[in-house]
Structures are given as C-alpha cells and as structure tokens.
C-alpha cells in the first residue's frame, strides 16, 4: 500500500493545559472528565473527527492533548466548561498550542 502524500496527512496540534486547583489531581480522573466534557459539548461524531488523544505527559497538574488542527478552538471551549473534578473546584487554562510534541513538552 502506498503511503499518503504529506499534503493529504492530517495536521495535528498539541494543546498544553494547566489545571488551577488547591489539591493535587489524579491523571485518571482528569482524563475521564476531559473525555466526558468533549462528548457532552461536541458529541460523538465531532469528538471522533477531532481525534482527541490525551497524552500521558502529566506533571504538576499540567498535561498535553493531541487534537486535529481544525478543532483546537472547540476543544478549548469543552475544557473551559469543566468546573469540577471529583467534587473539587477546578479552572482549566490553556498554556500553549504547538505543532510538535517536542515543543509542547518544553512548556510542561
């Protein structure tokens, strides 16, 4: 099978986020809440098109989400709608959107 031309490949963006809260959060709880928020806001079809992938890079309540370049703003809104994680008040803040994973990891 022939590989795709570079112009036909899907372009990805890496969204670096930070969660402002008084407590330390567990990555599994955060991951579950991000996926649920995307499903509630975008629906199943749009979430699939956005190809949301929550990466395991998690340090000091900061993480990275891999998404399609067309859905960056919609995923940001879905993150802003999260107010509670495990009955704890939280505020999501987008630190940076990057085109490469290496650059995104430098902001954590």
PDB file of N, CA and C in Angstrom:
ATOM      1  N   UNK A   1       0.841  -1.169   0.000  1.00  0.00           N
ATOM      2  CA  UNK A   1       0.000   0.000   0.000  1.00  0.00           C
ATOM      3  C   UNK A   1       0.889   1.237   0.000  1.00  0.00           C
ATOM      4  N   UNK A   2       0.510   2.190  -0.791  1.00  0.00           N
ATOM      5  CA  UNK A   2       1.275   3.420  -0.918  1.00  0.00           C
ATOM      6  C   UNK A   2       0.943   4.376   0.232  1.00  0.00           C
ATOM      7  N   UNK A   3       1.938   5.055   0.738  1.00  0.00           N
ATOM      8  CA  UNK A   3       1.692   5.990   1.837  1.00  0.00           C
ATOM      9  C   UNK A   3       1.103   7.297   1.303  1.00  0.00           C
ATOM     10  N   UNK A   4       0.471   8.043   2.201  1.00  0.00           N
ATOM     11  CA  UNK A   4      -0.158   9.310   1.822  1.00  0.00           C
ATOM     12  C   UNK A   4       0.879  10.392   1.560  1.00  0.00           C
ATOM     13  N   UNK A   5       0.536  11.272   0.669  1.00  0.00           N
ATOM     14  CA  UNK A   5       1.376  12.439   0.441  1.00  0.00           C
ATOM     15  C   UNK A   5       1.330  13.340   1.675  1.00  0.00           C
ATOM     16  N   UNK A   6       2.385  14.079   1.957  1.00  0.00           N
ATOM     17  CA  UNK A   6       2.374  14.959   3.132  1.00  0.00           C
ATOM     18  C   UNK A   6       1.233  15.976   3.113  1.00  0.00           C
ATOM     19  N   UNK A   7       0.825  16.408   1.953  1.00  0.00           N
ATOM     20  CA  UNK A   7      -0.262  17.390   1.879  1.00  0.00           C
ATOM     21  C   UNK A   7      -1.616  16.786   2.224  1.00  0.00           C
ATOM     22  N   UNK A   8      -1.741  15.466   2.186  1.00  0.00           N
ATOM     23  CA  UNK A   8      -3.005  14.797   2.494  1.00  0.00           C
ATOM     24  C   UNK A   8      -3.083  14.289   3.928  1.00  0.00           C
ATOM     25  N   UNK A   9      -1.974  14.309   4.648  1.00  0.00           N
ATOM     26  CA  UNK A   9      -1.979  13.830   6.027  1.00  0.00           C
ATOM     27  C   UNK A   9      -2.689  14.824   6.938  1.00  0.00           C
ATOM     28  N   UNK A  10      -3.282  14.276   7.984  1.00  0.00           N
ATOM     29  CA  UNK A  10      -3.973  15.119   8.956  1.00  0.00           C
ATOM     30  C   UNK A  10      -2.950  15.893   9.783  1.00  0.00           C
ATOM     31  N   UNK A  11      -3.191  17.184   9.934  1.00  0.00           N
ATOM     32  CA  UNK A  11      -2.287  18.014  10.736  1.00  0.00           C
ATOM     33  C   UNK A  11      -2.763  18.002  12.182  1.00  0.00           C
ATOM     34  N   UNK A  12      -1.842  17.774  13.079  1.00  0.00           N
ATOM     35  CA  UNK A  12      -2.172  17.695  14.499  1.00  0.00           C
ATOM     36  C   UNK A  12      -1.640  18.909  15.235  1.00  0.00           C
ATOM     37  N   UNK A  13      -2.295  19.225  16.328  1.00  0.00           N
ATOM     38  CA  UNK A  13      -1.836  20.255  17.240  1.00  0.00           C
ATOM     39  C   UNK A  13      -1.783  19.643  18.633  1.00  0.00           C
ATOM     40  N   UNK A  14      -0.905  20.175  19.433  1.00  0.00           N
ATOM     41  CA  UNK A  14      -0.734  19.705  20.805  1.00  0.00           C
ATOM     42  C   UNK A  14      -1.082  20.854  21.741  1.00  0.00           C
ATOM     43  N   UNK A  15      -2.138  20.679  22.514  1.00  0.00           N
ATOM     44  CA  UNK A  15      -2.626  21.708  23.421  1.00  0.00           C
ATOM     45  C   UNK A  15      -2.072  21.418  24.811  1.00  0.00           C
ATOM     46  N   UNK A  16      -1.305  22.342  25.348  1.00  0.00           N
ATOM     47  CA  UNK A  16      -0.747  22.208  26.696  1.00  0.00           C
ATOM     48  C   UNK A  16      -1.682  22.952  27.648  1.00  0.00           C
ATOM     49  N   UNK A  17      -2.183  22.253  28.649  1.00  0.00           N
ATOM     50  CA  UNK A  17      -3.140  22.852  29.583  1.00  0.00           C
ATOM     51  C   UNK A  17      -2.633  22.730  31.013  1.00  0.00           C
ATOM     52  N   UNK A  18      -3.183  23.593  31.854  1.00  0.00           N
ATOM     53  CA  UNK A  18      -2.878  23.567  33.284  1.00  0.00           C
ATOM     54  C   UNK A  18      -4.193  23.633  34.033  1.00  0.00           C
ATOM     55  N   UNK A  19      -4.277  22.903  35.122  1.00  0.00           N
ATOM     56  CA  UNK A  19      -5.483  22.907  35.941  1.00  0.00           C
ATOM     57  C   UNK A  19      -5.171  23.649  37.228  1.00  0.00           C
ATOM     58  N   UNK A  20      -5.882  24.741  37.454  1.00  0.00           N
ATOM     59  CA  UNK A  20      -5.710  25.528  38.675  1.00  0.00           C
ATOM     60  C   UNK A  20      -6.649  24.971  39.743  1.00  0.00           C
ATOM     61  N   UNK A  21      -6.070  24.485  40.810  1.00  0.00           N
ATOM     62  CA  UNK A  21      -6.830  23.982  41.940  1.00  0.00           C
ATOM     63  C   UNK A  21      -5.914  23.946  43.164  1.00  0.00           C
ATOM     64  N   UNK A  22      -6.511  23.822  44.325  1.00  0.00           N
ATOM     65  CA  UNK A  22      -5.727  23.771  45.554  1.00  0.00           C
ATOM     66  C   UNK A  22      -5.127  22.391  45.789  1.00  0.00           C
ATOM     67  N   UNK A  23      -5.778  21.367  45.244  1.00  0.00           N
ATOM     68  CA  UNK A  23      -5.378  19.986  45.509  1.00  0.00           C
ATOM     69  C   UNK A  23      -4.638  19.381  44.323  1.00  0.00           C
ATOM     70  N   UNK A  24      -3.888  18.318  44.596  1.00  0.00           N
ATOM     71  CA  UNK A  24      -3.291  17.522  43.521  1.00  0.00           C
ATOM     72  C   UNK A  24      -4.377  16.629  42.938  1.00  0.00           C
ATOM     73  N   UNK A  25      -4.371  16.484  41.633  1.00  0.00           N
ATOM     74  CA  UNK A  25      -5.381  15.673  40.975  1.00  0.00           C
ATOM     75  C   UNK A  25      -4.762  14.413  40.395  1.00  0.00           C
ATOM     76  N   UNK A  26      -5.577  13.368  40.330  1.00  0.00           N
ATOM     77  CA  UNK A  26      -5.157  12.111  39.734  1.00  0.00           C
ATOM     78  C   UNK A  26      -5.363  12.185  38.222  1.00  0.00           C
ATOM     79  N   UNK A  27      -4.402  11.689  37.457  1.00  0.00           N
ATOM     80  CA  UNK A  27      -4.459  11.773  35.998  1.00  0.00           C
ATOM     81  C   UNK A  27      -5.669  11.035  35.434  1.00  0.00           C
ATOM     82  N   UNK A  28      -6.024   9.895  36.024  1.00  0.00           N
ATOM     83  CA  UNK A  28      -7.158   9.120  35.511  1.00  0.00           C
ATOM     84  C   UNK A  28      -8.468   9.889  35.644  1.00  0.00           C
ATOM     85  N   UNK A  29      -8.639  10.595  36.755  1.00  0.00           N
ATOM     86  CA  UNK A  29      -9.853  11.393  36.947  1.00  0.00           C
ATOM     87  C   UNK A  29      -9.916  12.535  35.941  1.00  0.00           C
ATOM     88  N   UNK A  30      -8.786  13.187  35.717  1.00  0.00           N
ATOM     89  CA  UNK A  30      -8.720  14.309  34.775  1.00  0.00           C
ATOM     90  C   UNK A  30      -9.014  13.821  33.368  1.00  0.00           C
ATOM     91  N   UNK A  31      -8.405  12.714  32.991  1.00  0.00           N
ATOM     92  CA  UNK A  31      -8.615  12.148  31.654  1.00  0.00           C
ATOM     93  C   UNK A  31     -10.088  11.821  31.412  1.00  0.00           C
ATOM     94  N   UNK A  32     -10.707  11.198  32.404  1.00  0.00           N
ATOM     95  CA  UNK A  32     -12.119  10.825  32.293  1.00  0.00           C
ATOM     96  C   UNK A  32     -12.997  12.063  32.133  1.00  0.00           C
ATOM     97  N   UNK A  33     -12.729  13.096  32.892  1.00  0.00           N
ATOM     98  CA  UNK A  33     -13.538  14.310  32.834  1.00  0.00           C
ATOM     99  C   UNK A  33     -13.336  15.060  31.519  1.00  0.00           C
ATOM    100  N   UNK A  34     -12.117  15.074  30.984  1.00  0.00           N
ATOM    101  CA  UNK A  34     -11.870  15.728  29.694  1.00  0.00           C
ATOM    102  C   UNK A  34     -12.635  15.016  28.585  1.00  0.00           C
ATOM    103  N   UNK A  35     -12.585  13.690  28.582  1.00  0.00           N
ATOM    104  CA  UNK A  35     -13.311  12.937  27.558  1.00  0.00           C
ATOM    105  C   UNK A  35     -14.818  13.139  27.678  1.00  0.00           C
ATOM    106  N   UNK A  36     -15.338  13.129  28.903  1.00  0.00           N
ATOM    107  CA  UNK A  36     -16.774  13.348  29.105  1.00  0.00           C
ATOM    108  C   UNK A  36     -17.194  14.742  28.666  1.00  0.00           C
ATOM    109  N   UNK A  37     -16.378  15.736  28.948  1.00  0.00           N
ATOM    110  CA  UNK A  37     -16.699  17.105  28.550  1.00  0.00           C
ATOM    111  C   UNK A  37     -16.714  17.249  27.036  1.00  0.00           C
ATOM    112  N   UNK A  38     -15.756  16.628  26.359  1.00  0.00           N
ATOM    113  CA  UNK A  38     -15.738  16.668  24.897  1.00  0.00           C
ATOM    114  C   UNK A  38     -16.959  15.973  24.312  1.00  0.00           C
ATOM    115  N   UNK A  39     -17.348  14.853  24.898  1.00  0.00           N
ATOM    116  CA  UNK A  39     -18.531  14.150  24.404  1.00  0.00           C
ATOM    117  C   UNK A  39     -19.800  14.962  24.623  1.00  0.00           C
ATOM    118  N   UNK A  40     -19.906  15.630  25.771  1.00  0.00           N
ATOM    119  CA  UNK A  40     -21.095  16.446  26.039  1.00  0.00           C
ATOM    120  C   UNK A  40     -21.167  17.652  25.111  1.00  0.00           C
ATOM    121  N   UNK A  41     -20.045  18.321  24.901  1.00  0.00           N
ATOM    122  CA  UNK A  41     -20.039  19.559  24.117  1.00  0.00           C
ATOM    123  C   UNK A  41     -20.034  19.300  22.614  1.00  0.00           C
ATOM    124  N   UNK A  42     -19.174  18.404  22.149  1.00  0.00           N
ATOM    125  CA  UNK A  42     -19.026  18.168  20.715  1.00  0.00           C
ATOM    126  C   UNK A  42     -19.913  17.042  20.194  1.00  0.00           C
ATOM    127  N   UNK A  43     -20.221  16.080  21.031  1.00  0.00           N
ATOM    128  CA  UNK A  43     -20.940  14.902  20.567  1.00  0.00           C
ATOM    129  C   UNK A  43     -19.945  13.846  20.100  1.00  0.00           C
ATOM    130  N   UNK A  44     -20.464  12.661  19.835  1.00  0.00           N
ATOM    131  CA  UNK A  44     -19.581  11.553  19.459  1.00  0.00           C
ATOM    132  C   UNK A  44     -18.925  11.765  18.107  1.00  0.00           C
ATOM    133  N   UNK A  45     -19.681  12.244  17.137  1.00  0.00           N
ATOM    134  CA  UNK A  45     -19.146  12.405  15.785  1.00  0.00           C
ATOM    135  C   UNK A  45     -18.042  13.453  15.738  1.00  0.00           C
ATOM    136  N   UNK A  46     -18.289  14.618  16.330  1.00  0.00           N
ATOM    137  CA  UNK A  46     -17.286  15.689  16.322  1.00  0.00           C
ATOM    138  C   UNK A  46     -16.054  15.318  17.150  1.00  0.00           C
ATOM    139  N   UNK A  47     -16.255  14.593  18.244  1.00  0.00           N
ATOM    140  CA  UNK A  47     -15.115  14.147  19.045  1.00  0.00           C
ATOM    141  C   UNK A  47     -14.251  13.178  18.248  1.00  0.00           C
ATOM    142  N   UNK A  48     -14.892  12.323  17.479  1.00  0.00           N
ATOM    143  CA  UNK A  48     -14.137  11.391  16.633  1.00  0.00           C
ATOM    144  C   UNK A  48     -13.388  12.141  15.534  1.00  0.00           C
ATOM    145  N   UNK A  49     -14.015  13.137  14.940  1.00  0.00           N
ATOM    146  CA  UNK A  49     -13.354  13.923  13.895  1.00  0.00           C
ATOM    147  C   UNK A  49     -12.191  14.734  14.463  1.00  0.00           C
ATOM    148  N   UNK A  50     -12.335  15.191  15.693  1.00  0.00           N
ATOM    149  CA  UNK A  50     -11.273  15.971  16.333  1.00  0.00           C
ATOM    150  C   UNK A  50     -10.088  15.094  16.717  1.00  0.00           C
ATOM    151  N   UNK A  51     -10.299  13.792  16.746  1.00  0.00           N
ATOM    152  CA  UNK A  51      -9.279  12.796  17.129  1.00  0.00           C
ATOM    153  C   UNK A  51      -8.541  13.214  18.407  1.00  0.00           C
ATOM    154  N   UNK A  52      -9.320  13.397  19.461  1.00  0.00           N
ATOM    155  CA  UNK A  52      -8.783  13.807  20.760  1.00  0.00           C
ATOM    156  C   UNK A  52      -8.011  12.648  21.383  1.00  0.00           C
ATOM    157  N   UNK A  53      -6.765  12.903  21.752  1.00  0.00           N
ATOM    158  CA  UNK A  53      -5.928  11.912  22.414  1.00  0.00           C
ATOM    159  C   UNK A  53      -5.232  12.598  23.585  1.00  0.00           C
ATOM    160  N   UNK A  54      -5.517  12.136  24.790  1.00  0.00           N
ATOM    161  CA  UNK A  54      -4.931  12.727  25.987  1.00  0.00           C
ATOM    162  C   UNK A  54      -3.640  11.971  26.288  1.00  0.00           C
ATOM    163  N   UNK A  55      -2.525  12.660  26.169  1.00  0.00           N
ATOM    164  CA  UNK A  55      -1.218  12.022  26.341  1.00  0.00           C
ATOM    165  C   UNK A  55      -0.884  11.861  27.818  1.00  0.00           C
ATOM    166  N   UNK A  56      -0.017  10.910  28.115  1.00  0.00           N
ATOM    167  CA  UNK A  56       0.340  10.585  29.496  1.00  0.00           C
ATOM    168  C   UNK A  56       1.383  11.516  30.097  1.00  0.00           C
ATOM    169  N   UNK A  57       1.718  12.599  29.430  1.00  0.00           N
ATOM    170  CA  UNK A  57       2.658  13.576  29.983  1.00  0.00           C
ATOM    171  C   UNK A  57       1.918  14.408  31.032  1.00  0.00           C
ATOM    172  N   UNK A  58       2.087  14.080  32.298  1.00  0.00           N
ATOM    173  CA  UNK A  58       1.335  14.719  33.374  1.00  0.00           C
ATOM    174  C   UNK A  58       2.282  15.099  34.498  1.00  0.00           C
ATOM    175  N   UNK A  59       2.464  16.403  34.723  1.00  0.00           N
ATOM    176  CA  UNK A  59       3.326  16.890  35.801  1.00  0.00           C
ATOM    177  C   UNK A  59       2.693  18.131  36.416  1.00  0.00           C
ATOM    178  N   UNK A  60       2.607  18.162  37.710  1.00  0.00           N
ATOM    179  CA  UNK A  60       2.145  19.347  38.451  1.00  0.00           C
ATOM    180  C   UNK A  60       0.848  19.926  37.890  1.00  0.00           C
ATOM    181  N   UNK A  61      -0.136  19.075  37.703  1.00  0.00           N
ATOM    182  CA  UNK A  61      -1.449  19.466  37.166  1.00  0.00           C
ATOM    183  C   UNK A  61      -1.354  20.094  35.775  1.00  0.00           C
ATOM    184  N   UNK A  62      -0.378  19.682  34.985  1.00  0.00           N
ATOM    185  CA  UNK A  62      -0.243  20.123  33.595  1.00  0.00           C
ATOM    186  C   UNK A  62      -0.215  18.896  32.701  1.00  0.00           C
ATOM    187  N   UNK A  63      -0.782  19.035  31.497  1.00  0.00           N
ATOM    188  CA  UNK A  63      -0.810  17.909  30.576  1.00  0.00           C
ATOM    189  C   UNK A  63      -0.892  18.363  29.134  1.00  0.00           C
ATOM    190  N   UNK A  64      -0.936  17.382  28.222  1.00  0.00           N
ATOM    191  CA  UNK A  64      -0.961  17.648  26.788  1.00  0.00           C
ATOM    192  C   UNK A  64      -2.099  16.855  26.158  1.00  0.00           C
ATOM    193  N   UNK A  65      -2.811  17.499  25.237  1.00  0.00           N
ATOM    194  CA  UNK A  65      -3.857  16.847  24.460  1.00  0.00           C
ATOM    195  C   UNK A  65      -3.508  16.980  22.985  1.00  0.00           C
ATOM    196  N   UNK A  66      -3.547  15.866  22.261  1.00  0.00           N
ATOM    197  CA  UNK A  66      -3.313  15.876  20.816  1.00  0.00           C
ATOM    198  C   UNK A  66      -4.669  15.960  20.119  1.00  0.00           C
ATOM    199  N   UNK A  67      -4.827  16.954  19.223  1.00  0.00           N
ATOM    200  CA  UNK A  67      -6.093  17.143  18.518  1.00  0.00           C
ATOM    201  C   UNK A  67      -5.834  17.547  17.076  1.00  0.00           C
ATOM    202  N   UNK A  68      -6.868  17.447  16.268  1.00  0.00           N
ATOM    203  CA  UNK A  68      -6.795  17.885  14.880  1.00  0.00           C
ATOM    204  C   UNK A  68      -6.740  19.410  14.834  1.00  0.00           C
ATOM    205  N   UNK A  69      -6.064  19.961  13.842  1.00  0.00           N
ATOM    206  CA  UNK A  69      -5.867  21.415  13.784  1.00  0.00           C
ATOM    207  C   UNK A  69      -7.171  22.182  13.591  1.00  0.00           C
ATOM    208  N   UNK A  70      -8.193  21.541  13.065  1.00  0.00           N
ATOM    209  CA  UNK A  70      -9.469  22.224  12.824  1.00  0.00           C
ATOM    210  C   UNK A  70     -10.314  22.362  14.087  1.00  0.00           C
ATOM    211  N   UNK A  71     -10.016  21.591  15.114  1.00  0.00           N
ATOM    212  CA  UNK A  71     -10.870  21.539  16.298  1.00  0.00           C
ATOM    213  C   UNK A  71     -10.220  22.116  17.552  1.00  0.00           C
ATOM    214  N   UNK A  72      -9.163  22.872  17.408  1.00  0.00           N
ATOM    215  CA  UNK A  72      -8.454  23.412  18.577  1.00  0.00           C
ATOM    216  C   UNK A  72      -9.377  24.300  19.409  1.00  0.00           C
ATOM    217  N   UNK A  73     -10.077  25.219  18.761  1.00  0.00           N
ATOM    218  CA  UNK A  73     -10.937  26.147  19.499  1.00  0.00           C
ATOM    219  C   UNK A  73     -12.104  25.433  20.171  1.00  0.00           C
ATOM    220  N   UNK A  74     -12.677  24.454  19.505  1.00  0.00           N
ATOM    221  CA  UNK A  74     -13.813  23.724  20.080  1.00  0.00           C
ATOM    222  C   UNK A  74     -13.394  22.909  21.297  1.00  0.00           C
ATOM    223  N   UNK A  75     -12.221  22.314  21.248  1.00  0.00           N
ATOM    224  CA  UNK A  75     -11.739  21.541  22.397  1.00  0.00           C
ATOM    225  C   UNK A  75     -11.393  22.477  23.551  1.00  0.00           C
ATOM    226  N   UNK A  76     -10.877  23.661  23.249  1.00  0.00           N
ATOM    227  CA  UNK A  76     -10.618  24.656  24.304  1.00  0.00           C
ATOM    228  C   UNK A  76     -11.905  25.017  25.041  1.00  0.00           C
ATOM    229  N   UNK A  77     -12.974  25.217  24.292  1.00  0.00           N
ATOM    230  CA  UNK A  77     -14.261  25.551  24.910  1.00  0.00           C
ATOM    231  C   UNK A  77     -14.746  24.389  25.767  1.00  0.00           C
ATOM    232  N   UNK A  78     -14.600  23.165  25.271  1.00  0.00           N
ATOM    233  CA  UNK A  78     -15.013  21.995  26.046  1.00  0.00           C
ATOM    234  C   UNK A  78     -14.234  21.907  27.357  1.00  0.00           C
ATOM    235  N   UNK A  79     -12.959  22.291  27.340  1.00  0.00           N
ATOM    236  CA  UNK A  79     -12.164  22.288  28.572  1.00  0.00           C
ATOM    237  C   UNK A  79     -12.633  23.374  29.537  1.00  0.00           C
ATOM    238  N   UNK A  80     -12.987  24.526  28.990  1.00  0.00           N
ATOM    239  CA  UNK A  80     -13.433  25.623  29.857  1.00  0.00           C
ATOM    240  C   UNK A  80     -14.747  25.305  30.560  1.00  0.00           C
ATOM    241  N   UNK A  81     -15.528  24.394  30.021  1.00  0.00           N
ATOM    242  CA  UNK A  81     -16.807  24.044  30.627  1.00  0.00           C
ATOM    243  C   UNK A  81     -16.660  23.120  31.837  1.00  0.00           C
ATOM    244  N   UNK A  82     -15.473  22.589  32.058  1.00  0.00           N
ATOM    245  CA  UNK A  82     -15.244  21.718  33.219  1.00  0.00           C
ATOM    246  C   UNK A  82     -15.055  22.598  34.453  1.00  0.00           C
ATOM    247  N   UNK A  83     -15.930  22.433  35.421  1.00  0.00           N
ATOM    248  CA  UNK A  83     -15.867  23.226  36.655  1.00  0.00           C
ATOM    249  C   UNK A  83     -15.458  22.394  37.868  1.00  0.00           C
ATOM    250  N   UNK A  84     -15.770  21.093  37.839  1.00  0.00           N
ATOM    251  CA  UNK A  84     -15.477  20.219  38.975  1.00  0.00           C
ATOM    252  C   UNK A  84     -14.844  18.923  38.486  1.00  0.00           C
ATOM    253  N   UNK A  85     -13.850  18.464  39.218  1.00  0.00           N
ATOM    254  CA  UNK A  85     -13.293  17.132  39.014  1.00  0.00           C
ATOM    255  C   UNK A  85     -13.270  16.465  40.377  1.00  0.00           C
ATOM    256  N   UNK A  86     -14.041  15.402  40.505  1.00  0.00           N
ATOM    257  CA  UNK A  86     -14.133  14.658  41.761  1.00  0.00           C
ATOM    258  C   UNK A  86     -14.515  15.581  42.923  1.00  0.00           C
ATOM    259  N   UNK A  87     -15.509  16.414  42.701  1.00  0.00           N
ATOM    260  CA  UNK A  87     -16.055  17.364  43.685  1.00  0.00           C
ATOM    261  C   UNK A  87     -15.059  18.428  44.129  1.00  0.00           C
ATOM    262  N   UNK A  88     -14.068  18.713  43.309  1.00  0.00           N
ATOM    263  CA  UNK A  88     -13.093  19.766  43.600  1.00  0.00           C
ATOM    264  C   UNK A  88     -13.225  20.846  42.538  1.00  0.00           C
ATOM    265  N   UNK A  89     -13.252  22.097  42.970  1.00  0.00           N
ATOM    266  CA  UNK A  89     -13.318  23.202  42.013  1.00  0.00           C
ATOM    267  C   UNK A  89     -12.028  23.270  41.209  1.00  0.00           C
ATOM    268  N   UNK A  90     -12.173  23.401  39.885  1.00  0.00           N
ATOM    269  CA  UNK A  90     -11.003  23.488  39.016  1.00  0.00           C
ATOM    270  C   UNK A  90     -11.219  24.565  37.959  1.00  0.00           C
ATOM    271  N   UNK A  91     -10.114  25.100  37.460  1.00  0.00           N
ATOM    272  CA  UNK A  91     -10.127  26.037  36.338  1.00  0.00           C
ATOM    273  C   UNK A  91      -9.088  25.547  35.342  1.00  0.00           C
ATOM    274  N   UNK A  92      -9.527  25.306  34.108  1.00  0.00           N
ATOM    275  CA  UNK A  92      -8.605  24.892  33.052  1.00  0.00           C
ATOM    276  C   UNK A  92      -8.034  26.120  32.375  1.00  0.00           C
ATOM    277  N   UNK A  93      -6.726  26.109  32.168  1.00  0.00           N
ATOM    278  CA  UNK A  93      -6.047  27.212  31.492  1.00  0.00           C
ATOM    279  C   UNK A  93      -5.188  26.630  30.375  1.00  0.00           C
ATOM    280  N   UNK A  94      -5.353  27.160  29.164  1.00  0.00           N
ATOM    281  CA  UNK A  94      -4.517  26.728  28.049  1.00  0.00           C
ATOM    282  C   UNK A  94      -3.211  27.499  28.101  1.00  0.00           C
ATOM    283  N   UNK A  95      -2.108  26.785  28.195  1.00  0.00           N
ATOM    284  CA  UNK A  95      -0.798  27.427  28.243  1.00  0.00           C
ATOM    285  C   UNK A  95      -0.318  27.745  26.838  1.00  0.00           C
ATOM    286  N   UNK A  96      -0.414  26.752  25.947  1.00  0.00           N
ATOM    287  CA  UNK A  96       0.134  26.941  24.599  1.00  0.00           C
ATOM    288  C   UNK A  96      -0.413  25.882  23.655  1.00  0.00           C
ATOM    289  N   UNK A  97      -0.523  26.215  22.386  1.00  0.00           N
ATOM    290  CA  UNK A  97      -0.834  25.254  21.337  1.00  0.00           C
ATOM    291  C   UNK A  97       0.390  25.172  20.436  1.00  0.00           C
ATOM    292  N   UNK A  98       0.848  23.947  20.200  1.00  0.00           N
ATOM    293  CA  UNK A  98       2.071  23.745  19.432  1.00  0.00           C
ATOM    294  C   UNK A  98       1.822  22.764  18.294  1.00  0.00           C
ATOM    295  N   UNK A  99       2.675  22.811  17.294  1.00  0.00           N
ATOM    296  CA  UNK A  99       2.570  21.900  16.166  1.00  0.00           C
ATOM    297  C   UNK A  99       3.403  20.652  16.326  1.00  0.00           C
ATOM    298  N   UNK A 100       4.330  20.657  17.280  1.00  0.00           N
ATOM    299  CA  UNK A 100       5.173  19.484  17.508  1.00  0.00           C
ATOM    300  C   UNK A 100       5.113  19.076  18.974  1.00  0.00           C
ATOM    301  N   UNK A 101       5.230  17.790  19.190  1.00  0.00           N
ATOM    302  CA  UNK A 101       5.174  17.266  20.550  1.00  0.00           C
ATOM    303  C   UNK A 101       6.390  17.691  21.363  1.00  0.00           C
ATOM    304  N   UNK A 102       7.535  17.767  20.733  1.00  0.00           N
ATOM    305  CA  UNK A 102       8.761  18.167  21.434  1.00  0.00           C
ATOM    306  C   UNK A 102       8.634  19.579  21.993  1.00  0.00           C
ATOM    307  N   UNK A 103       8.103  20.483  21.209  1.00  0.00           N
ATOM    308  CA  UNK A 103       7.918  21.866  21.659  1.00  0.00           C
ATOM    309  C   UNK A 103       6.860  21.932  22.762  1.00  0.00           C
ATOM    310  N   UNK A 104       5.797  21.132  22.638  1.00  0.00           N
ATOM    311  CA  UNK A 104       4.749  21.123  23.656  1.00  0.00           C
ATOM    312  C   UNK A 104       5.289  20.618  24.993  1.00  0.00           C
ATOM    313  N   UNK A 105       6.145  19.618  24.951  1.00  0.00           N
ATOM    314  CA  UNK A 105       6.713  19.079  26.196  1.00  0.00           C
ATOM    315  C   UNK A 105       7.607  20.090  26.903  1.00  0.00           C
ATOM    316  N   UNK A 106       8.161  21.028  26.159  1.00  0.00           N
ATOM    317  CA  UNK A 106       9.026  22.031  26.785  1.00  0.00           C
ATOM    318  C   UNK A 106       8.233  23.026  27.636  1.00  0.00           C
ATOM    319  N   UNK A 107       6.915  23.095  27.468  1.00  0.00           N
ATOM    320  CA  UNK A 107       6.090  24.023  28.235  1.00  0.00           C
ATOM    321  C   UNK A 107       5.519  23.408  29.505  1.00  0.00           C
ATOM    322  N   UNK A 108       5.746  22.119  29.714  1.00  0.00           N
ATOM    323  CA  UNK A 108       5.236  21.479  30.938  1.00  0.00           C
ATOM    324  C   UNK A 108       6.192  21.745  32.086  1.00  0.00           C
TER     325      UNK A 108
END
